């Protein structure tokens, strides 16, 4: 699946409560772009700056779960 499609699935699972402090607790373009950058960095293995690392874990865990689910549904 294309990274943009995976991001859209990930973004659907997000709740505004997990946004960083100061970010609005509703869906916005800023929220979309911020999480998209976190997701793409996780997808491509780009290390986040220190101040973003705790939020970088969400897309990393989501991707790990997605990959595990794909392995279980498509055993080789």
N, C-alpha and C. Protein backbone atom coordinates (compact mmCIF):
# COMPACT_ATOMS: atom_id res chain seq x y z
N UNK A 1 0.85 -1.17 0.00
CA UNK A 1 0.00 0.00 0.00
C UNK A 1 0.90 1.25 0.00
N UNK A 2 0.48 2.24 -0.70
CA UNK A 2 1.22 3.50 -0.84
C UNK A 2 1.28 4.22 0.52
N UNK A 3 2.40 4.90 0.83
CA UNK A 3 2.53 5.60 2.12
C UNK A 3 1.41 6.61 2.39
N UNK A 4 0.94 7.30 1.36
CA UNK A 4 -0.15 8.27 1.56
C UNK A 4 -1.44 7.57 1.98
N UNK A 5 -1.70 6.40 1.40
CA UNK A 5 -2.88 5.64 1.78
C UNK A 5 -2.77 5.14 3.22
N UNK A 6 -1.58 4.69 3.58
CA UNK A 6 -1.36 4.25 4.96
C UNK A 6 -1.55 5.41 5.93
N UNK A 7 -1.05 6.58 5.55
CA UNK A 7 -1.23 7.73 6.43
C UNK A 7 -2.71 8.03 6.63
N UNK A 8 -3.50 7.97 5.58
CA UNK A 8 -4.93 8.25 5.71
C UNK A 8 -5.59 7.27 6.68
N UNK A 9 -5.19 6.00 6.63
CA UNK A 9 -5.72 5.02 7.59
C UNK A 9 -5.30 5.38 9.02
N UNK A 10 -4.03 5.73 9.18
CA UNK A 10 -3.51 6.13 10.48
C UNK A 10 -4.26 7.36 11.00
N UNK A 11 -4.45 8.34 10.15
CA UNK A 11 -5.09 9.60 10.55
C UNK A 11 -6.53 9.37 10.99
N UNK A 12 -7.21 8.42 10.37
CA UNK A 12 -8.57 8.09 10.78
C UNK A 12 -8.61 7.57 12.22
N UNK A 13 -7.55 6.90 12.64
CA UNK A 13 -7.49 6.33 13.99
C UNK A 13 -7.12 7.35 15.06
N UNK A 14 -6.62 8.50 14.66
CA UNK A 14 -6.19 9.50 15.64
C UNK A 14 -7.38 10.17 16.31
N UNK A 15 -7.19 10.48 17.57
CA UNK A 15 -8.16 11.32 18.27
C UNK A 15 -7.45 12.61 18.65
N UNK A 16 -8.13 13.73 18.61
CA UNK A 16 -7.48 15.01 18.90
C UNK A 16 -6.87 15.08 20.31
N UNK A 17 -7.31 14.23 21.22
CA UNK A 17 -6.76 14.25 22.57
C UNK A 17 -5.28 13.90 22.62
N UNK A 18 -4.78 13.21 21.61
CA UNK A 18 -3.36 12.84 21.64
C UNK A 18 -2.46 13.90 21.00
N UNK A 19 -3.04 14.99 20.55
CA UNK A 19 -2.24 16.08 19.99
C UNK A 19 -1.31 16.66 21.05
N UNK A 20 -0.19 17.22 20.62
CA UNK A 20 0.72 17.87 21.56
C UNK A 20 0.05 19.08 22.23
N UNK A 21 0.55 19.48 23.38
CA UNK A 21 0.00 20.67 24.04
C UNK A 21 0.06 21.88 23.12
N UNK A 22 -0.99 22.66 23.14
CA UNK A 22 -1.05 23.86 22.32
C UNK A 22 -1.71 23.67 20.97
N UNK A 23 -1.79 22.41 20.51
CA UNK A 23 -2.47 22.16 19.24
C UNK A 23 -3.97 22.05 19.53
N UNK A 24 -4.80 22.61 18.67
CA UNK A 24 -6.25 22.54 18.91
C UNK A 24 -6.74 21.11 19.09
N UNK A 25 -7.78 20.95 19.89
CA UNK A 25 -8.34 19.62 20.14
C UNK A 25 -9.44 19.29 19.14
N UNK A 26 -9.32 19.77 17.94
CA UNK A 26 -10.24 19.45 16.86
C UNK A 26 -9.42 19.23 15.60
N UNK A 27 -9.99 18.59 14.63
CA UNK A 27 -9.26 18.32 13.39
C UNK A 27 -9.06 19.62 12.61
N UNK A 28 -7.85 19.80 12.14
CA UNK A 28 -7.52 21.00 11.39
C UNK A 28 -6.43 20.66 10.38
N UNK A 29 -6.17 21.57 9.48
CA UNK A 29 -5.09 21.37 8.51
C UNK A 29 -3.74 21.28 9.21
N UNK A 30 -3.56 22.08 10.26
CA UNK A 30 -2.31 22.03 11.02
C UNK A 30 -2.11 20.66 11.65
N UNK A 31 -3.18 20.12 12.23
CA UNK A 31 -3.10 18.78 12.83
C UNK A 31 -2.77 17.75 11.76
N UNK A 32 -3.43 17.84 10.62
CA UNK A 32 -3.19 16.90 9.52
C UNK A 32 -1.73 16.93 9.08
N UNK A 33 -1.21 18.12 8.84
CA UNK A 33 0.17 18.25 8.37
C UNK A 33 1.18 17.80 9.43
N UNK A 34 0.91 18.14 10.69
CA UNK A 34 1.83 17.77 11.76
C UNK A 34 1.93 16.25 11.88
N UNK A 35 0.79 15.57 11.89
CA UNK A 35 0.80 14.11 12.00
C UNK A 35 1.31 13.45 10.72
N UNK A 36 1.07 14.07 9.57
CA UNK A 36 1.59 13.51 8.33
C UNK A 36 3.11 13.50 8.35
N UNK A 37 3.70 14.58 8.84
CA UNK A 37 5.17 14.62 8.92
C UNK A 37 5.70 13.57 9.89
N UNK A 38 5.04 13.41 11.04
CA UNK A 38 5.47 12.38 11.99
C UNK A 38 5.37 10.99 11.35
N UNK A 39 4.26 10.75 10.64
CA UNK A 39 4.02 9.45 10.03
C UNK A 39 5.06 9.15 8.94
N UNK A 40 5.29 10.10 8.06
CA UNK A 40 6.24 9.87 6.96
C UNK A 40 7.65 9.66 7.50
N UNK A 41 8.02 10.38 8.53
CA UNK A 41 9.33 10.15 9.14
C UNK A 41 9.42 8.74 9.69
N UNK A 42 8.35 8.27 10.35
CA UNK A 42 8.34 6.90 10.87
C UNK A 42 8.38 5.90 9.72
N UNK A 43 7.63 6.15 8.68
CA UNK A 43 7.56 5.23 7.55
C UNK A 43 8.93 5.07 6.88
N UNK A 44 9.62 6.17 6.70
CA UNK A 44 10.91 6.14 6.01
C UNK A 44 12.10 5.98 6.95
N UNK A 45 11.85 5.82 8.24
CA UNK A 45 12.93 5.59 9.20
C UNK A 45 13.76 6.82 9.50
N UNK A 46 13.18 7.99 9.37
CA UNK A 46 13.89 9.24 9.66
C UNK A 46 13.72 9.55 11.14
N UNK A 47 14.83 9.73 11.82
CA UNK A 47 14.77 10.01 13.26
C UNK A 47 14.24 11.42 13.51
N UNK A 48 13.30 11.50 14.43
CA UNK A 48 12.69 12.78 14.78
C UNK A 48 13.63 13.59 15.67
N UNK A 49 13.51 14.91 15.63
CA UNK A 49 14.24 15.74 16.60
C UNK A 49 13.79 15.36 18.01
N UNK A 50 14.64 15.59 18.97
CA UNK A 50 14.39 15.17 20.35
C UNK A 50 13.02 15.63 20.86
N UNK A 51 12.62 16.85 20.57
CA UNK A 51 11.37 17.38 21.12
C UNK A 51 10.12 16.69 20.55
N UNK A 52 10.24 15.95 19.46
CA UNK A 52 9.08 15.27 18.86
C UNK A 52 9.07 13.77 19.11
N UNK A 53 10.06 13.23 19.74
CA UNK A 53 10.19 11.78 19.82
C UNK A 53 9.04 11.08 20.53
N UNK A 54 8.48 11.70 21.56
CA UNK A 54 7.38 11.01 22.24
C UNK A 54 6.16 10.90 21.32
N UNK A 55 5.92 11.88 20.46
CA UNK A 55 4.80 11.80 19.53
C UNK A 55 5.13 10.95 18.32
N UNK A 56 6.39 10.74 18.06
CA UNK A 56 6.78 9.89 16.93
C UNK A 56 6.47 8.43 17.21
N UNK A 57 6.28 8.08 18.48
CA UNK A 57 5.99 6.69 18.82
C UNK A 57 4.63 6.24 18.30
N UNK A 58 3.66 7.12 18.23
CA UNK A 58 2.31 6.73 17.78
C UNK A 58 2.34 6.17 16.35
N UNK A 59 2.91 6.87 15.38
CA UNK A 59 2.94 6.27 14.04
C UNK A 59 3.84 5.04 13.96
N UNK A 60 4.91 5.00 14.74
CA UNK A 60 5.78 3.82 14.74
C UNK A 60 5.02 2.60 15.22
N UNK A 61 4.27 2.75 16.32
CA UNK A 61 3.50 1.63 16.85
C UNK A 61 2.37 1.25 15.89
N UNK A 62 1.72 2.24 15.29
CA UNK A 62 0.65 1.95 14.35
C UNK A 62 1.19 1.16 13.16
N UNK A 63 2.33 1.59 12.61
CA UNK A 63 2.92 0.87 11.48
C UNK A 63 3.32 -0.55 11.86
N UNK A 64 3.88 -0.73 13.05
CA UNK A 64 4.25 -2.07 13.50
C UNK A 64 3.01 -2.96 13.60
N UNK A 65 1.93 -2.43 14.15
CA UNK A 65 0.69 -3.18 14.24
C UNK A 65 0.11 -3.49 12.88
N UNK A 66 0.18 -2.55 11.97
CA UNK A 66 -0.32 -2.76 10.61
C UNK A 66 0.47 -3.87 9.92
N UNK A 67 1.78 -3.81 10.03
CA UNK A 67 2.62 -4.83 9.40
C UNK A 67 2.36 -6.21 10.00
N UNK A 68 2.18 -6.27 11.32
CA UNK A 68 1.88 -7.54 11.98
C UNK A 68 0.54 -8.07 11.51
N UNK A 69 -0.46 -7.20 11.42
CA UNK A 69 -1.77 -7.61 10.93
C UNK A 69 -1.72 -8.13 9.50
N UNK A 70 -0.91 -7.50 8.67
CA UNK A 70 -0.77 -7.96 7.29
C UNK A 70 -0.11 -9.33 7.23
N UNK A 71 0.87 -9.57 8.09
CA UNK A 71 1.53 -10.88 8.13
C UNK A 71 0.53 -11.97 8.54
N UNK A 72 -0.31 -11.66 9.53
CA UNK A 72 -1.26 -12.65 10.02
C UNK A 72 -2.36 -12.92 9.01
N UNK A 73 -2.77 -11.92 8.25
CA UNK A 73 -3.84 -12.12 7.28
C UNK A 73 -3.33 -12.70 5.95
N UNK A 74 -2.02 -12.60 5.73
CA UNK A 74 -1.41 -13.14 4.51
C UNK A 74 -0.21 -14.01 4.86
N UNK A 75 -0.42 -15.14 5.55
CA UNK A 75 0.74 -15.97 5.92
C UNK A 75 1.42 -16.53 4.67
N UNK A 76 2.72 -16.61 4.75
CA UNK A 76 3.49 -17.11 3.59
C UNK A 76 3.80 -18.56 3.76
